[in-house]
């Protein structure tokens, strides 16, 4: 099963200021703020929802196709993804813009000052999925993740025109989208991904009820945080899967991306919705136990031991045949 993942490609530059921002602000001079903070450390992490999802799928051996835009500074990041089983040949490289970047400073009170540079991400709208399909011999599913909004709309329309099954996954972009855009992006999707908060926001912005939305998509996949995930389909009982026990919560960033990576890998293996969701929840658990979205290591024996403990031997044997 050939799965393409469209979405952002970015790096996070995270710094820590040992003092308090509030101590540096002068109340009657806020209209002319000019500050520089001497930080203790710099942590550069690979990110972007498209790249995060593909990294997880690559760890599971399902050879995902990353579709997005980056800058000429992407070489090292590309090599990292290539080494971890991701097909990066369809990433567009901008001739003038850098790869998207989030720069953030956190103080001792955990207040943050950050900036997001979209950079090359704005060129994702110039990517044609047909060219990707021709290169790889056809596409069985395209996940349309958070990216340049115009790119998301173009990819969705192209999937509909060319009858390519697609999954709608608005993620961080839902806040800036209009109800009309959201209706366009979800109608006809084979899968609609969201968390519980986003689920309510989708209903509010579109003006459609839960039942109406369910009637416009094949499957509605709603992540429930520590309670796992619920998968709904018209006329069928929901599939509800819980999360494995965690060794500890370190960093929740990228957990949703990891779930999608595991779920899509399960679909690629053909193991069914419940098993796919279980793989997604297991991978998400590894990420929440790790600092960074692509810093975890998937050790097969360890993964299967924990998967067996969480979901039983029958489920484990079905998954093991593909993971091995």
Protein backbone atom coordinates (compact mmCIF):
# COMPACT_ATOMS: atom_id res chain seq x y z
CA UNK A 1 0.00 0.00 0.00
CA UNK A 2 1.57 3.28 -1.13
CA UNK A 3 0.79 6.09 1.33
CA UNK A 4 1.83 9.69 0.76
CA UNK A 5 1.87 12.14 3.66
CA UNK A 6 1.56 15.84 2.88
CA UNK A 7 2.37 18.27 5.66
CA UNK A 8 4.82 20.68 7.20
CA UNK A 9 8.56 20.12 7.43
CA UNK A 10 10.23 22.26 10.08
CA UNK A 11 12.92 22.53 12.71
CA UNK A 12 12.43 23.76 16.27
CA UNK A 13 15.09 25.93 17.90
CA UNK A 14 14.35 25.87 21.63
CA UNK A 15 16.24 28.01 24.16
CA UNK A 16 16.07 28.41 27.93
CA UNK A 17 16.41 31.71 29.77
CA UNK A 18 17.28 31.16 33.48
CA UNK A 19 15.50 34.34 34.64
CA UNK A 20 11.95 35.67 34.38
CA UNK A 21 10.68 37.66 31.41
CA UNK A 22 8.48 39.67 33.79
CA UNK A 23 11.54 41.03 35.60
CA UNK A 24 12.87 42.52 32.36
CA UNK A 25 9.71 44.41 31.39
CA UNK A 26 9.21 48.06 32.37
CA UNK A 27 5.50 48.81 32.74
CA UNK A 28 5.50 52.28 31.18
CA UNK A 29 7.88 51.31 28.34
CA UNK A 30 6.01 48.35 26.85
CA UNK A 31 5.34 50.33 23.67
CA UNK A 32 9.10 50.46 22.95
CA UNK A 33 10.29 47.01 24.06
CA UNK A 34 13.89 46.20 23.07
CA UNK A 35 15.23 43.17 24.89
CA UNK A 36 17.88 40.52 24.42
CA UNK A 37 18.04 37.42 26.61
CA UNK A 38 21.26 35.51 27.29
CA UNK A 39 20.12 31.89 27.18
CA UNK A 40 21.67 28.82 28.79
CA UNK A 41 21.19 26.26 26.05
CA UNK A 42 19.95 25.67 22.52
CA UNK A 43 18.11 22.50 21.55
CA UNK A 44 17.51 21.99 17.82
CA UNK A 45 14.89 19.37 17.03
CA UNK A 46 13.50 18.02 13.80
CA UNK A 47 9.76 18.47 13.40
CA UNK A 48 6.82 19.35 11.21
CA UNK A 49 3.75 17.13 11.16
CA UNK A 50 4.46 15.63 7.73
CA UNK A 51 8.00 14.70 8.64
CA UNK A 52 7.01 13.41 12.10
CA UNK A 53 4.36 11.09 10.70
CA UNK A 54 6.68 9.79 8.00
CA UNK A 55 9.48 9.18 10.52
CA UNK A 56 7.17 6.97 12.58
CA UNK A 57 5.96 5.07 9.52
CA UNK A 58 9.56 4.61 8.42
CA UNK A 59 10.40 3.15 11.84
CA UNK A 60 7.60 0.63 11.30
CA UNK A 61 8.91 -0.26 7.84
CA UNK A 62 6.01 1.00 5.70
CA UNK A 63 8.07 3.24 3.34
CA UNK A 64 6.00 6.46 3.47
CA UNK A 65 6.27 9.14 0.79
CA UNK A 66 6.83 12.61 2.27
CA UNK A 67 5.26 15.44 0.26
CA UNK A 68 6.08 18.97 1.34
CA UNK A 69 8.38 21.93 0.78
CA UNK A 70 11.73 22.74 2.38
CA UNK A 71 14.71 25.00 1.78
CA UNK A 72 18.25 24.38 0.58
CA UNK A 73 19.15 23.85 4.25
CA UNK A 74 17.17 20.58 4.18
CA UNK A 75 20.11 18.31 3.23
CA UNK A 76 20.98 17.08 6.73
CA UNK A 77 17.31 16.62 7.66
CA UNK A 78 16.70 14.76 4.38
CA UNK A 79 19.60 12.39 5.10
CA UNK A 80 18.14 11.68 8.55
CA UNK A 81 14.72 10.82 7.11
CA UNK A 82 16.23 8.75 4.29
CA UNK A 83 18.18 6.70 6.86
CA UNK A 84 14.94 6.03 8.71
CA UNK A 85 12.98 4.64 5.80
CA UNK A 86 11.26 7.75 4.42
CA UNK A 87 10.96 8.44 0.69
CA UNK A 88 11.91 12.14 0.43
CA UNK A 89 12.20 12.35 -3.37
CA UNK A 90 8.91 14.29 -3.61
CA UNK A 91 9.97 17.09 -1.25
CA UNK A 92 10.10 20.39 -3.13
CA UNK A 93 13.25 22.42 -2.46
CA UNK A 94 12.79 26.18 -2.57
CA UNK A 95 15.43 28.21 -4.39
CA UNK A 96 14.93 31.29 -2.21
CA UNK A 97 13.41 30.32 1.17
CA UNK A 98 14.66 28.42 4.21
CA UNK A 99 12.92 25.42 5.75
CA UNK A 100 10.13 26.43 8.15
CA UNK A 101 11.43 27.17 11.62
CA UNK A 102 10.05 27.67 15.12
CA UNK A 103 12.27 29.71 17.44
CA UNK A 104 11.22 29.80 21.09
CA UNK A 105 12.69 30.98 24.39
CA UNK A 106 11.28 29.68 27.69
CA UNK A 107 11.92 31.41 31.03
CA UNK A 108 12.15 30.01 34.56
CA UNK A 109 8.36 30.36 34.99
CA UNK A 110 7.75 28.41 31.76
CA UNK A 111 6.52 31.52 29.96
CA UNK A 112 7.47 31.48 26.29
CA UNK A 113 8.30 33.97 23.56
CA UNK A 114 8.32 32.33 20.15
CA UNK A 115 8.18 33.00 16.44
CA UNK A 116 7.24 30.69 13.55
CA UNK A 117 8.82 31.29 10.16
CA UNK A 118 6.79 29.55 7.44
CA UNK A 119 9.52 29.91 4.84
CA UNK A 120 9.51 27.26 2.14
CA UNK A 121 6.28 25.76 3.47
CA UNK A 122 4.43 28.38 1.40
CA UNK A 123 5.64 26.67 -1.77
CA UNK A 124 3.90 23.38 -0.94
CA UNK A 125 0.92 24.67 -2.92
CA UNK A 126 3.02 24.24 -6.07
CA UNK A 127 3.34 20.47 -5.63
CA UNK A 128 1.19 18.32 -7.89
CA UNK A 129 0.20 14.93 -6.50
CA UNK A 130 -0.12 13.43 -9.97
CA UNK A 131 3.65 13.78 -10.42
CA UNK A 132 4.17 11.97 -7.11
CA UNK A 133 1.78 9.19 -8.14
CA UNK A 134 3.51 8.72 -11.50
CA UNK A 135 6.91 8.49 -9.82
CA UNK A 136 5.92 5.75 -7.38
CA UNK A 137 3.44 3.84 -9.54
CA UNK A 138 0.21 5.16 -8.03
CA UNK A 139 -1.07 6.21 -4.62
CA UNK A 140 -3.47 4.21 -2.45
CA UNK A 141 -3.98 6.90 0.20
CA UNK A 142 -2.88 10.50 0.78
CA UNK A 143 -2.90 11.95 4.28
CA UNK A 144 -3.40 15.71 3.99
CA UNK A 145 -1.85 17.10 7.14
CA UNK A 146 -1.29 20.61 8.50
CA UNK A 147 0.62 22.62 5.92
CA UNK A 148 0.31 25.78 3.85
CA UNK A 149 -3.52 26.22 3.77
CA UNK A 150 -3.57 26.71 0.00
CA UNK A 151 -1.58 23.51 -0.41
CA UNK A 152 -4.07 21.60 1.75
CA UNK A 153 -6.94 22.80 -0.39
CA UNK A 154 -5.14 22.02 -3.65
CA UNK A 155 -4.14 18.52 -2.53
CA UNK A 156 -7.70 17.80 -1.41
CA UNK A 157 -9.23 18.97 -4.68
CA UNK A 158 -6.70 16.96 -6.67
CA UNK A 159 -7.44 13.80 -4.68
CA UNK A 160 -11.15 14.27 -5.36
CA UNK A 161 -10.59 14.96 -9.07
CA UNK A 162 -8.26 11.99 -9.55
CA UNK A 163 -10.26 9.66 -7.25
CA UNK A 164 -7.36 9.13 -4.85
CA UNK A 165 -8.54 8.14 -1.34
CA UNK A 166 -7.47 10.76 1.19
CA UNK A 167 -7.39 11.39 4.93
CA UNK A 168 -8.18 14.87 6.29
CA UNK A 169 -6.04 15.99 9.22
CA UNK A 170 -6.25 19.75 9.92
CA UNK A 171 -4.34 19.71 13.21
CA UNK A 172 -2.80 23.12 14.02
CA UNK A 173 -4.26 24.82 10.96
CA UNK A 174 -7.87 24.40 12.02
CA UNK A 175 -7.77 27.61 14.09
CA UNK A 176 -7.17 29.82 11.05
CA UNK A 177 -9.49 28.00 8.64
CA UNK A 178 -12.98 29.12 7.75
CA UNK A 179 -15.99 26.85 7.96
CA UNK A 180 -16.13 26.75 4.15
CA UNK A 181 -12.51 25.57 3.92
CA UNK A 182 -13.06 22.88 6.53
CA UNK A 183 -16.18 21.63 4.74
CA UNK A 184 -14.18 21.38 1.50
CA UNK A 185 -11.28 19.59 3.15
CA UNK A 186 -13.30 16.94 4.97
CA UNK A 187 -16.13 16.09 2.58
CA UNK A 188 -15.40 12.80 0.87
CA UNK A 189 -12.43 11.91 3.08
CA UNK A 190 -11.85 8.23 3.75
CA UNK A 191 -10.56 9.16 7.21
CA UNK A 192 -11.02 12.32 9.29
CA UNK A 193 -8.49 12.73 12.11
CA UNK A 194 -8.86 15.09 15.08
CA UNK A 195 -8.59 15.23 18.84
CA UNK A 196 -11.63 15.89 21.04
CA UNK A 197 -11.17 19.67 21.10
CA UNK A 198 -10.69 19.84 17.34
CA UNK A 199 -13.76 17.65 16.88
CA UNK A 200 -15.91 20.27 18.60
CA UNK A 201 -14.23 23.07 16.67
CA UNK A 202 -14.90 21.32 13.35
CA UNK A 203 -18.59 21.00 14.23
CA UNK A 204 -18.79 24.62 15.38
CA UNK A 205 -17.07 26.08 12.31
CA UNK A 206 -18.84 23.95 9.70
CA UNK A 207 -22.27 24.17 11.32
CA UNK A 208 -22.62 20.43 10.77
CA UNK A 209 -23.58 18.02 13.54
CA UNK A 210 -21.51 15.03 14.53
CA UNK A 211 -23.94 12.79 12.62
CA UNK A 212 -23.79 14.98 9.51
CA UNK A 213 -20.00 14.96 9.48
CA UNK A 214 -19.90 11.21 9.98
CA UNK A 215 -22.12 10.85 6.95
CA UNK A 216 -19.66 12.80 4.80
CA UNK A 217 -16.53 10.76 5.64
CA UNK A 218 -15.68 7.09 5.63
CA UNK A 219 -14.27 6.94 9.16
CA UNK A 220 -14.02 9.52 11.93
CA UNK A 221 -10.90 8.94 14.05
CA UNK A 222 -10.89 10.92 17.31
CA UNK A 223 -7.93 10.73 19.67
CA UNK A 224 -8.90 10.91 23.34
CA UNK A 225 -5.61 11.72 25.05
CA UNK A 226 -4.73 9.24 27.78
CA UNK A 227 -8.01 7.39 27.08
CA UNK A 228 -6.88 6.25 23.65
CA UNK A 229 -8.89 6.64 20.45
CA UNK A 230 -12.40 6.18 19.08
CA UNK A 231 -13.12 5.22 15.44
CA UNK A 232 -16.64 5.70 14.12
CA UNK A 233 -18.40 4.70 10.92
CA UNK A 234 -22.02 5.11 9.89
CA UNK A 235 -24.14 2.11 10.86
CA UNK A 236 -21.42 0.39 12.90
CA UNK A 237 -20.44 0.25 16.56
CA UNK A 238 -17.49 2.51 17.40
CA UNK A 239 -14.08 0.91 17.77
CA UNK A 240 -12.51 2.14 21.02
CA UNK A 241 -8.88 1.37 21.85
CA UNK A 242 -7.09 2.31 25.06
CA UNK A 243 -3.47 3.34 25.54
CA UNK A 244 -0.69 1.10 26.87
CA UNK A 245 0.69 1.87 30.31
CA UNK A 246 3.34 4.60 30.17
CA UNK A 247 6.75 4.39 31.80
CA UNK A 248 6.43 8.14 32.38
CA UNK A 249 5.31 11.37 30.70
CA UNK A 250 8.29 13.33 29.37
CA UNK A 251 7.00 15.44 26.46
CA UNK A 252 3.58 15.27 24.74
CA UNK A 253 4.78 17.05 21.58
CA UNK A 254 4.31 14.84 18.51
CA UNK A 255 2.14 12.22 20.21
CA UNK A 256 -0.72 12.78 17.76
CA UNK A 257 1.68 12.50 14.81
CA UNK A 258 2.98 9.20 16.20
CA UNK A 259 -0.54 7.82 16.53
CA UNK A 260 -1.23 8.65 12.90
CA UNK A 261 2.04 7.00 11.86
CA UNK A 262 1.12 3.79 13.64
CA UNK A 263 -2.48 3.82 12.44
CA UNK A 264 -1.50 4.40 8.81
CA UNK A 265 1.12 1.66 9.05
CA UNK A 266 -1.54 -0.73 10.32
CA UNK A 267 -3.72 0.18 7.35
CA UNK A 268 -0.76 -0.48 5.04
CA UNK A 269 -0.34 -3.91 6.63
CA UNK A 270 -4.05 -4.64 6.25
CA UNK A 271 -4.55 -5.63 9.89
CA UNK A 272 -7.92 -3.91 10.41
CA UNK A 273 -9.02 -0.80 12.27
CA UNK A 274 -8.68 -2.08 15.83
CA UNK A 275 -5.16 -3.42 15.31
CA UNK A 276 -4.12 -0.30 13.40
CA UNK A 277 -5.35 1.86 16.28
CA UNK A 278 -3.47 -0.32 18.76
CA UNK A 279 -0.23 0.12 16.81
CA UNK A 280 -0.87 3.87 16.75
CA UNK A 281 -1.42 4.04 20.50
CA UNK A 282 1.71 1.98 21.18
CA UNK A 283 3.86 4.25 19.03
CA UNK A 284 2.31 7.35 20.63
CA UNK A 285 3.27 5.97 24.05
CA UNK A 286 6.91 5.68 22.99
CA UNK A 287 6.88 9.33 21.92
CA UNK A 288 5.34 10.70 25.12
CA UNK A 289 8.14 8.95 27.01
CA UNK A 290 10.78 10.76 24.92
CA UNK A 291 11.94 14.37 24.65
CA UNK A 292 11.47 15.35 21.00
CA UNK A 293 9.21 14.15 18.22
CA UNK A 294 11.76 12.01 16.35
CA UNK A 295 14.16 11.04 19.12
CA UNK A 296 12.63 7.70 20.07
CA UNK A 297 14.07 4.36 19.03
CA UNK A 298 11.77 1.55 17.96
CA UNK A 299 13.34 -1.69 19.15
CA UNK A 300 11.20 -4.51 17.74
CA UNK A 301 11.41 -6.90 20.70
CA UNK A 302 10.71 -4.14 23.21
CA UNK A 303 7.82 -2.82 21.12
CA UNK A 304 6.22 -6.26 20.87
CA UNK A 305 6.68 -7.05 24.56
CA UNK A 306 4.81 -3.89 25.54
CA UNK A 307 2.24 -4.34 22.78
CA UNK A 308 1.53 -7.90 24.01
CA UNK A 309 1.15 -6.69 27.59
CA UNK A 310 -1.31 -3.99 26.51
CA UNK A 311 -3.41 -5.82 23.91
CA UNK A 312 -2.87 -9.56 24.34
CA UNK A 313 -1.16 -12.38 22.48
CA UNK A 314 -3.66 -12.68 19.64
CA UNK A 315 -3.30 -9.03 18.69
CA UNK A 316 0.48 -9.23 19.08
CA UNK A 317 0.83 -12.22 16.77
CA UNK A 318 -1.13 -10.46 14.05
CA UNK A 319 1.07 -7.39 14.27
CA UNK A 320 4.35 -9.25 14.78
CA UNK A 321 4.14 -10.85 11.33
CA UNK A 322 4.33 -7.42 9.75
CA UNK A 323 6.68 -5.68 12.17
CA UNK A 324 9.29 -8.43 11.93
